[in-house]
């Protein structure tokens, strides 16, 4: 396996892992601290994606790095729109 294919596989797998660690919190509504792994895994994915010089894995890993802040903003925005009523 050449280096570019290995880095591509690692970059894509970091995105998949970052999405997977959010599943307990978002889908099953179980309070799980696993989402904090995105702060460790996503920067590694950014490095792997930058080594292959491909834009979409870099953007998706950056989005996963800031996913906590994006989801927190979305939650507060929905709460603001609905005036806090479900």
N, C-alpha and C. Protein backbone atom coordinates (compact mmCIF):
# COMPACT_ATOMS: atom_id res chain seq x y z
N UNK A 1 0.86 -1.18 0.00
CA UNK A 1 0.00 0.00 0.00
C UNK A 1 0.90 1.24 0.00
N UNK A 2 0.68 2.10 -0.97
CA UNK A 2 1.51 3.30 -1.02
C UNK A 2 1.05 4.32 0.02
N UNK A 3 1.90 5.32 0.23
CA UNK A 3 1.64 6.29 1.31
C UNK A 3 0.39 7.12 1.07
N UNK A 4 0.15 7.51 -0.18
CA UNK A 4 -1.02 8.35 -0.45
C UNK A 4 -2.31 7.60 -0.15
N UNK A 5 -2.38 6.35 -0.52
CA UNK A 5 -3.58 5.55 -0.24
C UNK A 5 -3.76 5.34 1.26
N UNK A 6 -2.65 5.13 1.98
CA UNK A 6 -2.71 4.97 3.43
C UNK A 6 -3.20 6.25 4.10
N UNK A 7 -2.65 7.40 3.69
CA UNK A 7 -3.08 8.67 4.28
C UNK A 7 -4.53 8.97 3.95
N UNK A 8 -4.98 8.63 2.73
CA UNK A 8 -6.37 8.84 2.35
C UNK A 8 -7.30 7.98 3.22
N UNK A 9 -6.91 6.74 3.44
CA UNK A 9 -7.70 5.84 4.28
C UNK A 9 -7.76 6.35 5.71
N UNK A 10 -6.64 6.81 6.22
CA UNK A 10 -6.60 7.34 7.59
C UNK A 10 -7.42 8.62 7.72
N UNK A 11 -7.37 9.49 6.73
CA UNK A 11 -8.13 10.74 6.78
C UNK A 11 -9.63 10.47 6.77
N UNK A 12 -10.05 9.55 5.92
CA UNK A 12 -11.48 9.22 5.85
C UNK A 12 -11.92 8.48 7.11
N UNK A 13 -11.08 7.61 7.63
CA UNK A 13 -11.46 6.86 8.82
C UNK A 13 -11.55 7.77 10.05
N UNK A 14 -10.76 8.83 10.10
CA UNK A 14 -10.88 9.76 11.23
C UNK A 14 -12.22 10.49 11.20
N UNK A 15 -12.70 10.82 10.01
CA UNK A 15 -14.02 11.45 9.90
C UNK A 15 -15.10 10.48 10.37
N UNK A 16 -15.00 9.24 9.95
CA UNK A 16 -15.99 8.22 10.34
C UNK A 16 -15.97 7.99 11.84
N UNK A 17 -14.79 7.95 12.43
CA UNK A 17 -14.69 7.75 13.88
C UNK A 17 -15.28 8.95 14.62
N UNK A 18 -15.00 10.16 14.13
CA UNK A 18 -15.54 11.35 14.79
C UNK A 18 -17.06 11.37 14.72
N UNK A 19 -17.64 10.96 13.60
CA UNK A 19 -19.09 10.89 13.50
C UNK A 19 -19.64 9.81 14.42
N UNK A 20 -18.93 8.70 14.51
CA UNK A 20 -19.38 7.59 15.34
C UNK A 20 -19.40 7.94 16.83
N UNK A 21 -18.45 8.73 17.30
CA UNK A 21 -18.44 9.06 18.73
C UNK A 21 -19.56 10.02 19.11
N UNK A 22 -20.18 10.69 18.14
CA UNK A 22 -21.31 11.56 18.42
C UNK A 22 -22.63 10.80 18.47
N UNK A 23 -22.70 9.59 17.95
CA UNK A 23 -23.96 8.84 17.86
C UNK A 23 -24.64 8.63 19.21
N UNK A 24 -23.94 8.23 20.28
CA UNK A 24 -24.67 8.05 21.56
C UNK A 24 -25.34 9.33 22.05
N UNK A 25 -24.69 10.46 21.86
CA UNK A 25 -25.26 11.73 22.34
C UNK A 25 -26.42 12.20 21.48
N UNK A 26 -26.29 12.12 20.18
CA UNK A 26 -27.29 12.70 19.30
C UNK A 26 -28.45 11.76 18.99
N UNK A 27 -28.16 10.49 18.77
CA UNK A 27 -29.20 9.56 18.34
C UNK A 27 -29.89 8.92 19.54
N UNK A 28 -29.10 8.39 20.46
CA UNK A 28 -29.67 7.63 21.58
C UNK A 28 -29.93 8.49 22.82
N UNK A 29 -29.54 9.76 22.80
CA UNK A 29 -29.71 10.68 23.92
C UNK A 29 -29.08 10.14 25.21
N UNK A 30 -27.94 9.49 25.07
CA UNK A 30 -27.18 8.98 26.21
C UNK A 30 -25.99 9.91 26.42
N UNK A 31 -25.84 10.40 27.63
CA UNK A 31 -24.74 11.31 27.92
C UNK A 31 -23.42 10.54 27.93
N UNK A 32 -22.66 10.70 26.87
CA UNK A 32 -21.40 9.99 26.73
C UNK A 32 -20.27 10.99 26.51
N UNK A 33 -19.18 10.86 27.24
CA UNK A 33 -18.05 11.79 27.05
C UNK A 33 -17.17 11.43 25.85
N UNK A 34 -17.56 10.45 25.06
CA UNK A 34 -16.74 10.04 23.92
C UNK A 34 -16.58 11.14 22.87
N UNK A 35 -17.52 12.09 22.83
CA UNK A 35 -17.42 13.16 21.83
C UNK A 35 -16.16 13.98 21.99
N UNK A 36 -15.56 13.95 23.17
CA UNK A 36 -14.33 14.71 23.39
C UNK A 36 -13.15 14.15 22.60
N UNK A 37 -13.29 12.92 22.11
CA UNK A 37 -12.23 12.36 21.27
C UNK A 37 -12.09 13.10 19.95
N UNK A 38 -13.12 13.86 19.56
CA UNK A 38 -13.02 14.61 18.32
C UNK A 38 -11.90 15.65 18.39
N UNK A 39 -11.59 16.14 19.60
CA UNK A 39 -10.51 17.11 19.75
C UNK A 39 -9.13 16.48 19.59
N UNK A 40 -9.06 15.16 19.66
CA UNK A 40 -7.80 14.45 19.49
C UNK A 40 -7.70 13.84 18.10
N UNK A 41 -8.80 13.25 17.63
CA UNK A 41 -8.80 12.51 16.37
C UNK A 41 -8.85 13.44 15.16
N UNK A 42 -9.67 14.48 15.22
CA UNK A 42 -9.83 15.36 14.05
C UNK A 42 -8.54 16.08 13.65
N UNK A 43 -7.73 16.58 14.58
CA UNK A 43 -6.47 17.19 14.11
C UNK A 43 -5.54 16.20 13.41
N UNK A 44 -5.55 14.95 13.87
CA UNK A 44 -4.76 13.94 13.17
C UNK A 44 -5.30 13.73 11.76
N UNK A 45 -6.62 13.75 11.62
CA UNK A 45 -7.22 13.62 10.30
C UNK A 45 -6.90 14.80 9.40
N UNK A 46 -6.81 15.99 9.99
CA UNK A 46 -6.43 17.17 9.21
C UNK A 46 -5.00 17.02 8.68
N UNK A 47 -4.13 16.51 9.51
CA UNK A 47 -2.74 16.30 9.08
C UNK A 47 -2.66 15.27 7.97
N UNK A 48 -3.37 14.14 8.13
CA UNK A 48 -3.36 13.12 7.09
C UNK A 48 -3.95 13.63 5.79
N UNK A 49 -5.03 14.41 5.88
CA UNK A 49 -5.67 14.95 4.68
C UNK A 49 -4.79 15.99 4.01
N UNK A 50 -4.07 16.76 4.79
CA UNK A 50 -3.19 17.75 4.18
C UNK A 50 -1.97 17.10 3.51
N UNK A 51 -1.59 15.93 3.97
CA UNK A 51 -0.48 15.23 3.33
C UNK A 51 -0.85 14.72 1.95
N UNK A 52 -2.14 14.43 1.72
CA UNK A 52 -2.56 13.99 0.39
C UNK A 52 -3.07 15.16 -0.45
N UNK A 53 -3.13 16.35 0.16
CA UNK A 53 -3.54 17.59 -0.52
C UNK A 53 -4.92 17.45 -1.16
N UNK A 54 -5.86 16.95 -0.37
CA UNK A 54 -7.24 16.82 -0.83
C UNK A 54 -8.11 17.70 0.05
N UNK A 55 -8.99 18.48 -0.57
CA UNK A 55 -9.73 19.51 0.17
C UNK A 55 -10.87 18.96 1.01
N UNK A 56 -11.65 18.02 0.48
CA UNK A 56 -12.85 17.63 1.23
C UNK A 56 -12.53 16.89 2.52
N UNK A 57 -11.50 16.04 2.62
CA UNK A 57 -11.20 15.47 3.95
C UNK A 57 -10.71 16.53 4.94
N UNK A 58 -10.00 17.55 4.43
CA UNK A 58 -9.55 18.62 5.33
C UNK A 58 -10.75 19.37 5.88
N UNK A 59 -11.69 19.73 5.00
CA UNK A 59 -12.88 20.47 5.43
C UNK A 59 -13.73 19.64 6.37
N UNK A 60 -13.92 18.36 6.07
CA UNK A 60 -14.75 17.53 6.94
C UNK A 60 -14.10 17.29 8.29
N UNK A 61 -12.78 17.17 8.34
CA UNK A 61 -12.11 17.02 9.63
C UNK A 61 -12.13 18.32 10.43
N UNK A 62 -12.03 19.45 9.75
CA UNK A 62 -12.15 20.74 10.46
C UNK A 62 -13.56 20.89 11.01
N UNK A 63 -14.56 20.49 10.23
CA UNK A 63 -15.95 20.53 10.71
C UNK A 63 -16.13 19.62 11.92
N UNK A 64 -15.49 18.47 11.92
CA UNK A 64 -15.58 17.57 13.07
C UNK A 64 -14.82 18.14 14.27
N UNK A 65 -13.76 18.87 14.02
CA UNK A 65 -13.01 19.50 15.11
C UNK A 65 -13.88 20.53 15.82
N UNK A 66 -14.66 21.28 15.06
CA UNK A 66 -15.53 22.31 15.63
C UNK A 66 -16.97 21.83 15.79
N UNK A 67 -17.21 20.52 15.72
CA UNK A 67 -18.58 20.00 15.77
C UNK A 67 -19.29 20.31 17.09
N UNK A 68 -18.56 20.33 18.19
CA UNK A 68 -19.20 20.66 19.47
C UNK A 68 -19.76 22.07 19.42
N UNK A 69 -18.98 23.00 18.92
CA UNK A 69 -19.41 24.39 18.88
C UNK A 69 -20.53 24.59 17.85
N UNK A 70 -20.46 23.86 16.74
CA UNK A 70 -21.52 23.94 15.74
C UNK A 70 -22.83 23.40 16.30
N UNK A 71 -22.78 22.26 16.97
CA UNK A 71 -23.99 21.67 17.55
C UNK A 71 -24.53 22.50 18.71
N UNK A 72 -23.64 23.10 19.49
CA UNK A 72 -24.08 23.96 20.58
C UNK A 72 -24.78 25.20 20.02
N UNK A 73 -24.23 25.80 18.96
CA UNK A 73 -24.87 26.94 18.33
C UNK A 73 -26.23 26.56 17.77
N UNK A 74 -26.31 25.40 17.11
CA UNK A 74 -27.58 24.96 16.53
C UNK A 74 -28.62 24.73 17.62
N UNK A 75 -28.22 24.15 18.74
CA UNK A 75 -29.16 23.92 19.84
C UNK A 75 -29.67 25.21 20.44
N UNK A 76 -28.77 26.15 20.68
CA UNK A 76 -29.20 27.44 21.22
C UNK A 76 -30.06 28.21 20.21
N UNK A 77 -29.75 28.10 18.93
CA UNK A 77 -30.53 28.79 17.92
C UNK A 77 -31.94 28.21 17.82
N UNK A 78 -32.06 26.90 17.86
CA UNK A 78 -33.39 26.27 17.84
C UNK A 78 -34.16 26.63 19.09
N UNK A 79 -33.48 26.67 20.22
CA UNK A 79 -34.14 27.09 21.47
C UNK A 79 -34.62 28.53 21.39
N UNK A 80 -33.84 29.39 20.74
CA UNK A 80 -34.24 30.80 20.57
C UNK A 80 -35.44 30.91 19.64
N UNK A 81 -35.44 30.18 18.57
CA UNK A 81 -36.54 30.26 17.60
C UNK A 81 -37.84 29.77 18.21
N UNK A 82 -37.78 28.68 18.97
CA UNK A 82 -39.00 28.10 19.53
C UNK A 82 -39.35 28.66 20.89
N UNK A 83 -38.65 29.69 21.35
CA UNK A 83 -38.88 30.31 22.66
C UNK A 83 -38.77 29.31 23.81
N UNK A 84 -37.97 28.28 23.65
CA UNK A 84 -37.73 27.31 24.70
C UNK A 84 -38.83 26.30 24.89
N UNK A 85 -39.82 26.26 24.01
CA UNK A 85 -40.89 25.28 24.14
C UNK A 85 -40.64 24.15 23.13
N UNK A 86 -40.82 22.92 23.57
CA UNK A 86 -40.56 21.80 22.67
C UNK A 86 -41.60 21.65 21.58
